[in-house]
């Protein structure tokens, strides 16, 4: 009876631990509204590009490696539709998409204000512009090619808030200069002399600026009944550049909704062993435990 009781106790312990092992961890489920317009970079300086691959995209969004990322709307740099993904975890849902010209109508004023606050040397130049020049620049913002964001990481906070990692470049001054150059090429009938003078002043200021102009691309985030535009002017160097052009992905930008609270207790589902593996290990441990007890009983 003594040995039988020990066997029953051992079996009960394994059964109880097995019940814990098969309890599923909360995982984020992703669905993509247009898989043909997503492109995944597997990360690092020697990563590869995997277009239209939703499995690779989910891994890039959840692997904890910000340099692996998913570009939303990679067919061009000026999205004509909101392409991206919807993430769901329990009762929390968030949709992250590319930014269209229509979205710029809602975000341009705030974005420009934040840009000028981040780079104050340009504030006085902007203030000297005529209202027509300001409207011209604002109308061309969608052409900067910042609406096709590369998302390097996504997660919900403990209260349903959202955090994104945006992957971009440490210096986009050339992008701004190229856009100004395009505007200055417009014929006189389209670009009056007063606007041409304003744009030339801005061009000269950019060329004289010794620092870097760091700005992320922009993602549209809809969650909790609210719409946000995710962007940042504060970058962290990624330590790598993309394998195709040796320039992209040099910067990582963190962004989160105002209500985001980081959760230290979350475990990525990719790091949780399969229940069958855990049960197998517990089963082996139970066998050794039982055999040890039996041998000890025989010696007594």
Foldseek 3Di string as FASTA:
>chain_A
DVLVVVLVVLVVVLVVVLVVLQPAAWAKDKDWPDQQQKWWWQFFQPTDIDGSDVVSQVCQAFVPQLRTWMWARPPDLADPDFTFMWIDTVPWIKTKTFDHLVNLVVCLVVVVVVLCVVVVVCVVLVVPADPVLVVVVSSCVSVLSQRGWIWRYWDAAPVRWIKTKTFWFQACLVSVLVSLVVVLPDDCVVQPPSSNVSSVVVNVSSVPDPDGFAKHRWMWMDTPNDIDIDIDRDWDASPHAYNPPRTTRRTMDMTIDPPHDHDPPHDHSVPRDDSVVVSVVSVVVSVVVSVVVVVVVVVD
